[in-house]
């Protein structure tokens, strides 16, 4: 439940920037 709340708060983002982040990680 706590993880779902955090997920919901952090699921609004630019997918292009997430792709760049994932590639770096």
PDBML (XML) file of the C-alpha atoms, coordinates in Angstrom:
<?xml version="1.0" encoding="UTF-8" ?>
<PDBx:datablock datablockName="MODEL"
   xmlns:PDBx="http://pdbml.pdb.org/schema/pdbx-v50.xsd"
   xmlns:xsi="http://www.w3.org/2001/XMLSchema-instance"
   xsi:schemaLocation="http://pdbml.pdb.org/schema/pdbx-v50.xsd pdbx-v50.xsd">
   <PDBx:atom_siteCategory>
      <PDBx:atom_site id="1">
         <PDBx:B_iso_or_equiv>0.00</PDBx:B_iso_or_equiv>
         <PDBx:Cartn_x>0.000</PDBx:Cartn_x>
         <PDBx:Cartn_y>0.000</PDBx:Cartn_y>
         <PDBx:Cartn_z>0.000</PDBx:Cartn_z>
         <PDBx:auth_asym_id>A</PDBx:auth_asym_id>
         <PDBx:auth_atom_id>CA</PDBx:auth_atom_id>
         <PDBx:auth_comp_id>UNK</PDBx:auth_comp_id>
         <PDBx:auth_seq_id>1</PDBx:auth_seq_id>
         <PDBx:group_PDB>ATOM</PDBx:group_PDB>
         <PDBx:label_alt_id xsi:nil="true" />
         <PDBx:label_asym_id>A</PDBx:label_asym_id>
         <PDBx:label_atom_id>CA</PDBx:label_atom_id>
         <PDBx:label_comp_id>UNK</PDBx:label_comp_id>
         <PDBx:label_entity_id>1</PDBx:label_entity_id>
         <PDBx:label_seq_id>1</PDBx:label_seq_id>
         <PDBx:occupancy>1.00</PDBx:occupancy>
         <PDBx:pdbx_PDB_model_num>1</PDBx:pdbx_PDB_model_num>
         <PDBx:type_symbol>C</PDBx:type_symbol>
      </PDBx:atom_site>
      <PDBx:atom_site id="2">
         <PDBx:B_iso_or_equiv>0.00</PDBx:B_iso_or_equiv>
         <PDBx:Cartn_x>2.765</PDBx:Cartn_x>
         <PDBx:Cartn_y>2.451</PDBx:Cartn_y>
         <PDBx:Cartn_z>0.915</PDBx:Cartn_z>
         <PDBx:auth_asym_id>A</PDBx:auth_asym_id>
         <PDBx:auth_atom_id>CA</PDBx:auth_atom_id>
         <PDBx:auth_comp_id>UNK</PDBx:auth_comp_id>
         <PDBx:auth_seq_id>2</PDBx:auth_seq_id>
         <PDBx:group_PDB>ATOM</PDBx:group_PDB>
         <PDBx:label_alt_id xsi:nil="true" />
         <PDBx:label_asym_id>A</PDBx:label_asym_id>
         <PDBx:label_atom_id>CA</PDBx:label_atom_id>
         <PDBx:label_comp_id>UNK</PDBx:label_comp_id>
         <PDBx:label_entity_id>1</PDBx:label_entity_id>
         <PDBx:label_seq_id>2</PDBx:label_seq_id>
         <PDBx:occupancy>1.00</PDBx:occupancy>
         <PDBx:pdbx_PDB_model_num>1</PDBx:pdbx_PDB_model_num>
         <PDBx:type_symbol>C</PDBx:type_symbol>
      </PDBx:atom_site>
      <PDBx:atom_site id="3">
         <PDBx:B_iso_or_equiv>0.00</PDBx:B_iso_or_equiv>
         <PDBx:Cartn_x>4.648</PDBx:Cartn_x>
         <PDBx:Cartn_y>1.496</PDBx:Cartn_y>
         <PDBx:Cartn_z>-2.251</PDBx:Cartn_z>
         <PDBx:auth_asym_id>A</PDBx:auth_asym_id>
         <PDBx:auth_atom_id>CA</PDBx:auth_atom_id>
         <PDBx:auth_comp_id>UNK</PDBx:auth_comp_id>
         <PDBx:auth_seq_id>3</PDBx:auth_seq_id>
         <PDBx:group_PDB>ATOM</PDBx:group_PDB>
         <PDBx:label_alt_id xsi:nil="true" />
         <PDBx:label_asym_id>A</PDBx:label_asym_id>
         <PDBx:label_atom_id>CA</PDBx:label_atom_id>
         <PDBx:label_comp_id>UNK</PDBx:label_comp_id>
         <PDBx:label_entity_id>1</PDBx:label_entity_id>
         <PDBx:label_seq_id>3</PDBx:label_seq_id>
         <PDBx:occupancy>1.00</PDBx:occupancy>
         <PDBx:pdbx_PDB_model_num>1</PDBx:pdbx_PDB_model_num>
         <PDBx:type_symbol>C</PDBx:type_symbol>
      </PDBx:atom_site>
      <PDBx:atom_site id="4">
         <PDBx:B_iso_or_equiv>0.00</PDBx:B_iso_or_equiv>
         <PDBx:Cartn_x>1.525</PDBx:Cartn_x>
         <PDBx:Cartn_y>2.094</PDBx:Cartn_y>
         <PDBx:Cartn_z>-4.367</PDBx:Cartn_z>
         <PDBx:auth_asym_id>A</PDBx:auth_asym_id>
         <PDBx:auth_atom_id>CA</PDBx:auth_atom_id>
         <PDBx:auth_comp_id>UNK</PDBx:auth_comp_id>
         <PDBx:auth_seq_id>4</PDBx:auth_seq_id>
         <PDBx:group_PDB>ATOM</PDBx:group_PDB>
         <PDBx:label_alt_id xsi:nil="true" />
         <PDBx:label_asym_id>A</PDBx:label_asym_id>
         <PDBx:label_atom_id>CA</PDBx:label_atom_id>
         <PDBx:label_comp_id>UNK</PDBx:label_comp_id>
         <PDBx:label_entity_id>1</PDBx:label_entity_id>
         <PDBx:label_seq_id>4</PDBx:label_seq_id>
         <PDBx:occupancy>1.00</PDBx:occupancy>
         <PDBx:pdbx_PDB_model_num>1</PDBx:pdbx_PDB_model_num>
         <PDBx:type_symbol>C</PDBx:type_symbol>
      </PDBx:atom_site>
      <PDBx:atom_site id="5">
         <PDBx:B_iso_or_equiv>0.00</PDBx:B_iso_or_equiv>
         <PDBx:Cartn_x>1.155</PDBx:Cartn_x>
         <PDBx:Cartn_y>5.599</PDBx:Cartn_y>
         <PDBx:Cartn_z>-2.932</PDBx:Cartn_z>
         <PDBx:auth_asym_id>A</PDBx:auth_asym_id>
         <PDBx:auth_atom_id>CA</PDBx:auth_atom_id>
         <PDBx:auth_comp_id>UNK</PDBx:auth_comp_id>
         <PDBx:auth_seq_id>5</PDBx:auth_seq_id>
         <PDBx:group_PDB>ATOM</PDBx:group_PDB>
         <PDBx:label_alt_id xsi:nil="true" />
         <PDBx:label_asym_id>A</PDBx:label_asym_id>
         <PDBx:label_atom_id>CA</PDBx:label_atom_id>
         <PDBx:label_comp_id>UNK</PDBx:label_comp_id>
         <PDBx:label_entity_id>1</PDBx:label_entity_id>
         <PDBx:label_seq_id>5</PDBx:label_seq_id>
         <PDBx:occupancy>1.00</PDBx:occupancy>
         <PDBx:pdbx_PDB_model_num>1</PDBx:pdbx_PDB_model_num>
         <PDBx:type_symbol>C</PDBx:type_symbol>
      </PDBx:atom_site>
      <PDBx:atom_site id="6">
         <PDBx:B_iso_or_equiv>0.00</PDBx:B_iso_or_equiv>
         <PDBx:Cartn_x>4.784</PDBx:Cartn_x>
         <PDBx:Cartn_y>6.405</PDBx:Cartn_y>
         <PDBx:Cartn_z>-3.759</PDBx:Cartn_z>
         <PDBx:auth_asym_id>A</PDBx:auth_asym_id>
         <PDBx:auth_atom_id>CA</PDBx:auth_atom_id>
         <PDBx:auth_comp_id>UNK</PDBx:auth_comp_id>
         <PDBx:auth_seq_id>6</PDBx:auth_seq_id>
         <PDBx:group_PDB>ATOM</PDBx:group_PDB>
         <PDBx:label_alt_id xsi:nil="true" />
         <PDBx:label_asym_id>A</PDBx:label_asym_id>
         <PDBx:label_atom_id>CA</PDBx:label_atom_id>
         <PDBx:label_comp_id>UNK</PDBx:label_comp_id>
         <PDBx:label_entity_id>1</PDBx:label_entity_id>
         <PDBx:label_seq_id>6</PDBx:label_seq_id>
         <PDBx:occupancy>1.00</PDBx:occupancy>
         <PDBx:pdbx_PDB_model_num>1</PDBx:pdbx_PDB_model_num>
         <PDBx:type_symbol>C</PDBx:type_symbol>
      </PDBx:atom_site>
      <PDBx:atom_site id="7">
         <PDBx:B_iso_or_equiv>0.00</PDBx:B_iso_or_equiv>
         <PDBx:Cartn_x>4.363</PDBx:Cartn_x>
         <PDBx:Cartn_y>4.906</PDBx:Cartn_y>
         <PDBx:Cartn_z>-7.214</PDBx:Cartn_z>
         <PDBx:auth_asym_id>A</PDBx:auth_asym_id>
         <PDBx:auth_atom_id>CA</PDBx:auth_atom_id>
         <PDBx:auth_comp_id>UNK</PDBx:auth_comp_id>
         <PDBx:auth_seq_id>7</PDBx:auth_seq_id>
         <PDBx:group_PDB>ATOM</PDBx:group_PDB>
         <PDBx:label_alt_id xsi:nil="true" />
         <PDBx:label_asym_id>A</PDBx:label_asym_id>
         <PDBx:label_atom_id>CA</PDBx:label_atom_id>
         <PDBx:label_comp_id>UNK</PDBx:label_comp_id>
         <PDBx:label_entity_id>1</PDBx:label_entity_id>
         <PDBx:label_seq_id>7</PDBx:label_seq_id>
         <PDBx:occupancy>1.00</PDBx:occupancy>
         <PDBx:pdbx_PDB_model_num>1</PDBx:pdbx_PDB_model_num>
         <PDBx:type_symbol>C</PDBx:type_symbol>
      </PDBx:atom_site>
      <PDBx:atom_site id="8">
         <PDBx:B_iso_or_equiv>0.00</PDBx:B_iso_or_equiv>
         <PDBx:Cartn_x>1.309</PDBx:Cartn_x>
         <PDBx:Cartn_y>7.049</PDBx:Cartn_y>
         <PDBx:Cartn_z>-7.919</PDBx:Cartn_z>
         <PDBx:auth_asym_id>A</PDBx:auth_asym_id>
         <PDBx:auth_atom_id>CA</PDBx:auth_atom_id>
         <PDBx:auth_comp_id>UNK</PDBx:auth_comp_id>
         <PDBx:auth_seq_id>8</PDBx:auth_seq_id>
         <PDBx:group_PDB>ATOM</PDBx:group_PDB>
         <PDBx:label_alt_id xsi:nil="true" />
         <PDBx:label_asym_id>A</PDBx:label_asym_id>
         <PDBx:label_atom_id>CA</PDBx:label_atom_id>
         <PDBx:label_comp_id>UNK</PDBx:label_comp_id>
         <PDBx:label_entity_id>1</PDBx:label_entity_id>
         <PDBx:label_seq_id>8</PDBx:label_seq_id>
         <PDBx:occupancy>1.00</PDBx:occupancy>
         <PDBx:pdbx_PDB_model_num>1</PDBx:pdbx_PDB_model_num>
         <PDBx:type_symbol>C</PDBx:type_symbol>
      </PDBx:atom_site>
      <PDBx:atom_site id="9">
         <PDBx:B_iso_or_equiv>0.00</PDBx:B_iso_or_equiv>
         <PDBx:Cartn_x>3.094</PDBx:Cartn_x>
         <PDBx:Cartn_y>10.221</PDBx:Cartn_y>
         <PDBx:Cartn_z>-6.841</PDBx:Cartn_z>
         <PDBx:auth_asym_id>A</PDBx:auth_asym_id>
         <PDBx:auth_atom_id>CA</PDBx:auth_atom_id>
         <PDBx:auth_comp_id>UNK</PDBx:auth_comp_id>
         <PDBx:auth_seq_id>9</PDBx:auth_seq_id>
         <PDBx:group_PDB>ATOM</PDBx:group_PDB>
         <PDBx:label_alt_id xsi:nil="true" />
         <PDBx:label_asym_id>A</PDBx:label_asym_id>
         <PDBx:label_atom_id>CA</PDBx:label_atom_id>
         <PDBx:label_comp_id>UNK</PDBx:label_comp_id>
         <PDBx:label_entity_id>1</PDBx:label_entity_id>
         <PDBx:label_seq_id>9</PDBx:label_seq_id>
         <PDBx:occupancy>1.00</PDBx:occupancy>
         <PDBx:pdbx_PDB_model_num>1</PDBx:pdbx_PDB_model_num>
         <PDBx:type_symbol>C</PDBx:type_symbol>
      </PDBx:atom_site>
      <PDBx:atom_site id="10">
         <PDBx:B_iso_or_equiv>0.00</PDBx:B_iso_or_equiv>
         <PDBx:Cartn_x>6.020</PDBx:Cartn_x>
         <PDBx:Cartn_y>9.477</PDBx:Cartn_y>
         <PDBx:Cartn_z>-9.159</PDBx:Cartn_z>
         <PDBx:auth_asym_id>A</PDBx:auth_asym_id>
         <PDBx:auth_atom_id>CA</PDBx:auth_atom_id>
         <PDBx:auth_comp_id>UNK</PDBx:auth_comp_id>
         <PDBx:auth_seq_id>10</PDBx:auth_seq_id>
         <PDBx:group_PDB>ATOM</PDBx:group_PDB>
         <PDBx:label_alt_id xsi:nil="true" />
         <PDBx:label_asym_id>A</PDBx:label_asym_id>
         <PDBx:label_atom_id>CA</PDBx:label_atom_id>
         <PDBx:label_comp_id>UNK</PDBx:label_comp_id>
         <PDBx:label_entity_id>1</PDBx:label_entity_id>
         <PDBx:label_seq_id>10</PDBx:label_seq_id>
         <PDBx:occupancy>1.00</PDBx:occupancy>
         <PDBx:pdbx_PDB_model_num>1</PDBx:pdbx_PDB_model_num>
         <PDBx:type_symbol>C</PDBx:type_symbol>
      </PDBx:atom_site>
      <PDBx:atom_site id="11">
         <PDBx:B_iso_or_equiv>0.00</PDBx:B_iso_or_equiv>
         <PDBx:Cartn_x>4.338</PDBx:Cartn_x>
         <PDBx:Cartn_y>8.260</PDBx:Cartn_y>
         <PDBx:Cartn_z>-12.355</PDBx:Cartn_z>
         <PDBx:auth_asym_id>A</PDBx:auth_asym_id>
         <PDBx:auth_atom_id>CA</PDBx:auth_atom_id>
         <PDBx:auth_comp_id>UNK</PDBx:auth_comp_id>
         <PDBx:auth_seq_id>11</PDBx:auth_seq_id>
         <PDBx:group_PDB>ATOM</PDBx:group_PDB>
         <PDBx:label_alt_id xsi:nil="true" />
         <PDBx:label_asym_id>A</PDBx:label_asym_id>
         <PDBx:label_atom_id>CA</PDBx:label_atom_id>
         <PDBx:label_comp_id>UNK</PDBx:label_comp_id>
         <PDBx:label_entity_id>1</PDBx:label_entity_id>
         <PDBx:label_seq_id>11</PDBx:label_seq_id>
         <PDBx:occupancy>1.00</PDBx:occupancy>
         <PDBx:pdbx_PDB_model_num>1</PDBx:pdbx_PDB_model_num>
         <PDBx:type_symbol>C</PDBx:type_symbol>
      </PDBx:atom_site>
      <PDBx:atom_site id="12">
         <PDBx:B_iso_or_equiv>0.00</PDBx:B_iso_or_equiv>
         <PDBx:Cartn_x>4.097</PDBx:Cartn_x>
         <PDBx:Cartn_y>11.645</PDBx:Cartn_y>
         <PDBx:Cartn_z>-14.073</PDBx:Cartn_z>
         <PDBx:auth_asym_id>A</PDBx:auth_asym_id>
         <PDBx:auth_atom_id>CA</PDBx:auth_atom_id>
         <PDBx:auth_comp_id>UNK</PDBx:auth_comp_id>
         <PDBx:auth_seq_id>12</PDBx:auth_seq_id>
         <PDBx:group_PDB>ATOM</PDBx:group_PDB>
         <PDBx:label_alt_id xsi:nil="true" />
         <PDBx:label_asym_id>A</PDBx:label_asym_id>
         <PDBx:label_atom_id>CA</PDBx:label_atom_id>
         <PDBx:label_comp_id>UNK</PDBx:label_comp_id>
         <PDBx:label_entity_id>1</PDBx:label_entity_id>
         <PDBx:label_seq_id>12</PDBx:label_seq_id>
         <PDBx:occupancy>1.00</PDBx:occupancy>
         <PDBx:pdbx_PDB_model_num>1</PDBx:pdbx_PDB_model_num>
         <PDBx:type_symbol>C</PDBx:type_symbol>
      </PDBx:atom_site>
      <PDBx:atom_site id="13">
         <PDBx:B_iso_or_equiv>0.00</PDBx:B_iso_or_equiv>
         <PDBx:Cartn_x>7.266</PDBx:Cartn_x>
         <PDBx:Cartn_y>12.233</PDBx:Cartn_y>
         <PDBx:Cartn_z>-16.065</PDBx:Cartn_z>
         <PDBx:auth_asym_id>A</PDBx:auth_asym_id>
         <PDBx:auth_atom_id>CA</PDBx:auth_atom_id>
         <PDBx:auth_comp_id>UNK</PDBx:auth_comp_id>
         <PDBx:auth_seq_id>13</PDBx:auth_seq_id>
         <PDBx:group_PDB>ATOM</PDBx:group_PDB>
         <PDBx:label_alt_id xsi:nil="true" />
         <PDBx:label_asym_id>A</PDBx:label_asym_id>
         <PDBx:label_atom_id>CA</PDBx:label_atom_id>
         <PDBx:label_comp_id>UNK</PDBx:label_comp_id>
         <PDBx:label_entity_id>1</PDBx:label_entity_id>
         <PDBx:label_seq_id>13</PDBx:label_seq_id>
         <PDBx:occupancy>1.00</PDBx:occupancy>
         <PDBx:pdbx_PDB_model_num>1</PDBx:pdbx_PDB_model_num>
         <PDBx:type_symbol>C</PDBx:type_symbol>
      </PDBx:atom_site>
      <PDBx:atom_site id="14">
         <PDBx:B_iso_or_equiv>0.00</PDBx:B_iso_or_equiv>
         <PDBx:Cartn_x>8.764</PDBx:Cartn_x>
         <PDBx:Cartn_y>12.762</PDBx:Cartn_y>
         <PDBx:Cartn_z>-19.516</PDBx:Cartn_z>
         <PDBx:auth_asym_id>A</PDBx:auth_asym_id>
         <PDBx:auth_atom_id>CA</PDBx:auth_atom_id>
         <PDBx:auth_comp_id>UNK</PDBx:auth_comp_id>
         <PDBx:auth_seq_id>14</PDBx:auth_seq_id>
         <PDBx:group_PDB>ATOM</PDBx:group_PDB>
         <PDBx:label_alt_id xsi:nil="true" />
         <PDBx:label_asym_id>A</PDBx:label_asym_id>
         <PDBx:label_atom_id>CA</PDBx:label_atom_id>
         <PDBx:label_comp_id>UNK</PDBx:label_comp_id>
         <PDBx:label_entity_id>1</PDBx:label_entity_id>
         <PDBx:label_seq_id>14</PDBx:label_seq_id>
         <PDBx:occupancy>1.00</PDBx:occupancy>
         <PDBx:pdbx_PDB_model_num>1</PDBx:pdbx_PDB_model_num>
         <PDBx:type_symbol>C</PDBx:type_symbol>
      </PDBx:atom_site>
      <PDBx:atom_site id="15">
         <PDBx:B_iso_or_equiv>0.00</PDBx:B_iso_or_equiv>
         <PDBx:Cartn_x>9.440</PDBx:Cartn_x>
         <PDBx:Cartn_y>9.220</PDBx:Cartn_y>
         <PDBx:Cartn_z>-20.866</PDBx:Cartn_z>
         <PDBx:auth_asym_id>A</PDBx:auth_asym_id>
         <PDBx:auth_atom_id>CA</PDBx:auth_atom_id>
         <PDBx:auth_comp_id>UNK</PDBx:auth_comp_id>
         <PDBx:auth_seq_id>15</PDBx:auth_seq_id>
         <PDBx:group_PDB>ATOM</PDBx:group_PDB>
         <PDBx:label_alt_id xsi:nil="true" />
         <PDBx:label_asym_id>A</PDBx:label_asym_id>
         <PDBx:label_atom_id>CA</PDBx:label_atom_id>
         <PDBx:label_comp_id>UNK</PDBx:label_comp_id>
         <PDBx:label_entity_id>1</PDBx:label_entity_id>
         <PDBx:label_seq_id>15</PDBx:label_seq_id>
         <PDBx:occupancy>1.00</PDBx:occupancy>
         <PDBx:pdbx_PDB_model_num>1</PDBx:pdbx_PDB_model_num>
         <PDBx:type_symbol>C</PDBx:type_symbol>
      </PDBx:atom_site>
      <PDBx:atom_site id="16">
         <PDBx:B_iso_or_equiv>0.00</PDBx:B_iso_or_equiv>
         <PDBx:Cartn_x>12.350</PDBx:Cartn_x>
         <PDBx:Cartn_y>10.500</PDBx:Cartn_y>
         <PDBx:Cartn_z>-22.954</PDBx:Cartn_z>
         <PDBx:auth_asym_id>A</PDBx:auth_asym_id>
         <PDBx:auth_atom_id>CA</PDBx:auth_atom_id>
         <PDBx:auth_comp_id>UNK</PDBx:auth_comp_id>
         <PDBx:auth_seq_id>16</PDBx:auth_seq_id>
         <PDBx:group_PDB>ATOM</PDBx:group_PDB>
         <PDBx:label_alt_id xsi:nil="true" />
         <PDBx:label_asym_id>A</PDBx:label_asym_id>
         <PDBx:label_atom_id>CA</PDBx:label_atom_id>
         <PDBx:label_comp_id>UNK</PDBx:label_comp_id>
         <PDBx:label_entity_id>1</PDBx:label_entity_id>
         <PDBx:label_seq_id>16</PDBx:label_seq_id>
         <PDBx:occupancy>1.00</PDBx:occupancy>
         <PDBx:pdbx_PDB_model_num>1</PDBx:pdbx_PDB_model_num>
         <PDBx:type_symbol>C</PDBx:type_symbol>
      </PDBx:atom_site>
      <PDBx:atom_site id="17">
         <PDBx:B_iso_or_equiv>0.00</PDBx:B_iso_or_equiv>
         <PDBx:Cartn_x>14.169</PDBx:Cartn_x>
         <PDBx:Cartn_y>11.660</PDBx:Cartn_y>
         <PDBx:Cartn_z>-19.825</PDBx:Cartn_z>
         <PDBx:auth_asym_id>A</PDBx:auth_asym_id>
         <PDBx:auth_atom_id>CA</PDBx:auth_atom_id>
         <PDBx:auth_comp_id>UNK</PDBx:auth_comp_id>
         <PDBx:auth_seq_id>17</PDBx:auth_seq_id>
         <PDBx:group_PDB>ATOM</PDBx:group_PDB>
         <PDBx:label_alt_id xsi:nil="true" />
         <PDBx:label_asym_id>A</PDBx:label_asym_id>
         <PDBx:label_atom_id>CA</PDBx:label_atom_id>
         <PDBx:label_comp_id>UNK</PDBx:label_comp_id>
         <PDBx:label_entity_id>1</PDBx:label_entity_id>
         <PDBx:label_seq_id>17</PDBx:label_seq_id>
         <PDBx:occupancy>1.00</PDBx:occupancy>
         <PDBx:pdbx_PDB_model_num>1</PDBx:pdbx_PDB_model_num>
         <PDBx:type_symbol>C</PDBx:type_symbol>
      </PDBx:atom_site>
      <PDBx:atom_site id="18">
         <PDBx:B_iso_or_equiv>0.00</PDBx:B_iso_or_equiv>
         <PDBx:Cartn_x>13.407</PDBx:Cartn_x>
         <PDBx:Cartn_y>8.374</PDBx:Cartn_y>
         <PDBx:Cartn_z>-18.059</PDBx:Cartn_z>
         <PDBx:auth_asym_id>A</PDBx:auth_asym_id>
         <PDBx:auth_atom_id>CA</PDBx:auth_atom_id>
         <PDBx:auth_comp_id>UNK</PDBx:auth_comp_id>
         <PDBx:auth_seq_id>18</PDBx:auth_seq_id>
         <PDBx:group_PDB>ATOM</PDBx:group_PDB>
         <PDBx:label_alt_id xsi:nil="true" />
         <PDBx:label_asym_id>A</PDBx:label_asym_id>
         <PDBx:label_atom_id>CA</PDBx:label_atom_id>
         <PDBx:label_comp_id>UNK</PDBx:label_comp_id>
         <PDBx:label_entity_id>1</PDBx:label_entity_id>
         <PDBx:label_seq_id>18</PDBx:label_seq_id>
         <PDBx:occupancy>1.00</PDBx:occupancy>
         <PDBx:pdbx_PDB_model_num>1</PDBx:pdbx_PDB_model_num>
         <PDBx:type_symbol>C</PDBx:type_symbol>
      </PDBx:atom_site>
      <PDBx:atom_site id="19">
         <PDBx:B_iso_or_equiv>0.00</PDBx:B_iso_or_equiv>
         <PDBx:Cartn_x>14.923</PDBx:Cartn_x>
         <PDBx:Cartn_y>6.480</PDBx:Cartn_y>
         <PDBx:Cartn_z>-20.997</PDBx:Cartn_z>
         <PDBx:auth_asym_id>A</PDBx:auth_asym_id>
         <PDBx:auth_atom_id>CA</PDBx:auth_atom_id>
         <PDBx:auth_comp_id>UNK</PDBx:auth_comp_id>
         <PDBx:auth_seq_id>19</PDBx:auth_seq_id>
         <PDBx:group_PDB>ATOM</PDBx:group_PDB>
         <PDBx:label_alt_id xsi:nil="true" />
         <PDBx:label_asym_id>A</PDBx:label_asym_id>
         <PDBx:label_atom_id>CA</PDBx:label_atom_id>
         <PDBx:label_comp_id>UNK</PDBx:label_comp_id>
         <PDBx:label_entity_id>1</PDBx:label_entity_id>
         <PDBx:label_seq_id>19</PDBx:label_seq_id>
         <PDBx:occupancy>1.00</PDBx:occupancy>
         <PDBx:pdbx_PDB_model_num>1</PDBx:pdbx_PDB_model_num>
         <PDBx:type_symbol>C</PDBx:type_symbol>
      </PDBx:atom_site>
      <PDBx:atom_site id="20">
         <PDBx:B_iso_or_equiv>0.00</PDBx:B_iso_or_equiv>
         <PDBx:Cartn_x>18.089</PDBx:Cartn_x>
         <PDBx:Cartn_y>8.581</PDBx:Cartn_y>
         <PDBx:Cartn_z>-20.698</PDBx:Cartn_z>
         <PDBx:auth_asym_id>A</PDBx:auth_asym_id>
         <PDBx:auth_atom_id>CA</PDBx:auth_atom_id>
         <PDBx:auth_comp_id>UNK</PDBx:auth_comp_id>
         <PDBx:auth_seq_id>20</PDBx:auth_seq_id>
         <PDBx:group_PDB>ATOM</PDBx:group_PDB>
         <PDBx:label_alt_id xsi:nil="true" />
         <PDBx:label_asym_id>A</PDBx:label_asym_id>
         <PDBx:label_atom_id>CA</PDBx:label_atom_id>
         <PDBx:label_comp_id>UNK</PDBx:label_comp_id>
         <PDBx:label_entity_id>1</PDBx:label_entity_id>
         <PDBx:label_seq_id>20</PDBx:label_seq_id>
         <PDBx:occupancy>1.00</PDBx:occupancy>
         <PDBx:pdbx_PDB_model_num>1</PDBx:pdbx_PDB_model_num>
         <PDBx:type_symbol>C</PDBx:type_symbol>
      </PDBx:atom_site>
      <PDBx:atom_site id="21">
         <PDBx:B_iso_or_equiv>0.00</PDBx:B_iso_or_equiv>
         <PDBx:Cartn_x>18.218</PDBx:Cartn_x>
         <PDBx:Cartn_y>7.930</PDBx:Cartn_y>
         <PDBx:Cartn_z>-16.949</PDBx:Cartn_z>
         <PDBx:auth_asym_id>A</PDBx:auth_asym_id>
         <PDBx:auth_atom_id>CA</PDBx:auth_atom_id>
         <PDBx:auth_comp_id>UNK</PDBx:auth_comp_id>
         <PDBx:auth_seq_id>21</PDBx:auth_seq_id>
         <PDBx:group_PDB>ATOM</PDBx:group_PDB>
         <PDBx:label_alt_id xsi:nil="true" />
         <PDBx:label_asym_id>A</PDBx:label_asym_id>
         <PDBx:label_atom_id>CA</PDBx:label_atom_id>
         <PDBx:label_comp_id>UNK</PDBx:label_comp_id>
         <PDBx:label_entity_id>1</PDBx:label_entity_id>
         <PDBx:label_seq_id>21</PDBx:label_seq_id>
         <PDBx:occupancy>1.00</PDBx:occupancy>
         <PDBx:pdbx_PDB_model_num>1</PDBx:pdbx_PDB_model_num>
         <PDBx:type_symbol>C</PDBx:type_symbol>
      </PDBx:atom_site>
      <PDBx:atom_site id="22">
         <PDBx:B_iso_or_equiv>0.00</PDBx:B_iso_or_equiv>
         <PDBx:Cartn_x>17.762</PDBx:Cartn_x>
         <PDBx:Cartn_y>4.188</PDBx:Cartn_y>
         <PDBx:Cartn_z>-17.383</PDBx:Cartn_z>
         <PDBx:auth_asym_id>A</PDBx:auth_asym_id>
         <PDBx:auth_atom_id>CA</PDBx:auth_atom_id>
         <PDBx:auth_comp_id>UNK</PDBx:auth_comp_id>
         <PDBx:auth_seq_id>22</PDBx:auth_seq_id>
         <PDBx:group_PDB>ATOM</PDBx:group_PDB>
         <PDBx:label_alt_id xsi:nil="true" />
         <PDBx:label_asym_id>A</PDBx:label_asym_id>
         <PDBx:label_atom_id>CA</PDBx:label_atom_id>
         <PDBx:label_comp_id>UNK</PDBx:label_comp_id>
         <PDBx:label_entity_id>1</PDBx:label_entity_id>
         <PDBx:label_seq_id>22</PDBx:label_seq_id>
         <PDBx:occupancy>1.00</PDBx:occupancy>
         <PDBx:pdbx_PDB_model_num>1</PDBx:pdbx_PDB_model_num>
         <PDBx:type_symbol>C</PDBx:type_symbol>
      </PDBx:atom_site>
      <PDBx:atom_site id="23">
         <PDBx:B_iso_or_equiv>0.00</PDBx:B_iso_or_equiv>
         <PDBx:Cartn_x>20.519</PDBx:Cartn_x>
         <PDBx:Cartn_y>4.032</PDBx:Cartn_y>
         <PDBx:Cartn_z>-20.014</PDBx:Cartn_z>
         <PDBx:auth_asym_id>A</PDBx:auth_asym_id>
         <PDBx:auth_atom_id>CA</PDBx:auth_atom_id>
         <PDBx:auth_comp_id>UNK</PDBx:auth_comp_id>
         <PDBx:auth_seq_id>23</PDBx:auth_seq_id>
         <PDBx:group_PDB>ATOM</PDBx:group_PDB>
         <PDBx:label_alt_id xsi:nil="true" />
         <PDBx:label_asym_id>A</PDBx:label_asym_id>
         <PDBx:label_atom_id>CA</PDBx:label_atom_id>
         <PDBx:label_comp_id>UNK</PDBx:label_comp_id>
         <PDBx:label_entity_id>1</PDBx:label_entity_id>
         <PDBx:label_seq_id>23</PDBx:label_seq_id>
         <PDBx:occupancy>1.00</PDBx:occupancy>
         <PDBx:pdbx_PDB_model_num>1</PDBx:pdbx_PDB_model_num>
         <PDBx:type_symbol>C</PDBx:type_symbol>
      </PDBx:atom_site>
      <PDBx:atom_site id="24">
         <PDBx:B_iso_or_equiv>0.00</PDBx:B_iso_or_equiv>
         <PDBx:Cartn_x>22.898</PDBx:Cartn_x>
         <PDBx:Cartn_y>5.838</PDBx:Cartn_y>
         <PDBx:Cartn_z>-17.658</PDBx:Cartn_z>
         <PDBx:auth_asym_id>A</PDBx:auth_asym_id>
         <PDBx:auth_atom_id>CA</PDBx:auth_atom_id>
         <PDBx:auth_comp_id>UNK</PDBx:auth_comp_id>
         <PDBx:auth_seq_id>24</PDBx:auth_seq_id>
         <PDBx:group_PDB>ATOM</PDBx:group_PDB>
         <PDBx:label_alt_id xsi:nil="true" />
         <PDBx:label_asym_id>A</PDBx:label_asym_id>
         <PDBx:label_atom_id>CA</PDBx:label_atom_id>
         <PDBx:label_comp_id>UNK</PDBx:label_comp_id>
         <PDBx:label_entity_id>1</PDBx:label_entity_id>
         <PDBx:label_seq_id>24</PDBx:label_seq_id>
         <PDBx:occupancy>1.00</PDBx:occupancy>
         <PDBx:pdbx_PDB_model_num>1</PDBx:pdbx_PDB_model_num>
         <PDBx:type_symbol>C</PDBx:type_symbol>
      </PDBx:atom_site>
      <PDBx:atom_site id="25">
         <PDBx:B_iso_or_equiv>0.00</PDBx:B_iso_or_equiv>
         <PDBx:Cartn_x>22.046</PDBx:Cartn_x>
         <PDBx:Cartn_y>3.591</PDBx:Cartn_y>
         <PDBx:Cartn_z>-14.701</PDBx:Cartn_z>
         <PDBx:auth_asym_id>A</PDBx:auth_asym_id>
         <PDBx:auth_atom_id>CA</PDBx:auth_atom_id>
         <PDBx:auth_comp_id>UNK</PDBx:auth_comp_id>
         <PDBx:auth_seq_id>25</PDBx:auth_seq_id>
         <PDBx:group_PDB>ATOM</PDBx:group_PDB>
         <PDBx:label_alt_id xsi:nil="true" />
         <PDBx:label_asym_id>A</PDBx:label_asym_id>
         <PDBx:label_atom_id>CA</PDBx:label_atom_id>
         <PDBx:label_comp_id>UNK</PDBx:label_comp_id>
         <PDBx:label_entity_id>1</PDBx:label_entity_id>
         <PDBx:label_seq_id>25</PDBx:label_seq_id>
         <PDBx:occupancy>1.00</PDBx:occupancy>
         <PDBx:pdbx_PDB_model_num>1</PDBx:pdbx_PDB_model_num>
         <PDBx:type_symbol>C</PDBx:type_symbol>
      </PDBx:atom_site>
   </PDBx:atom_siteCategory>
</PDBx:datablock>
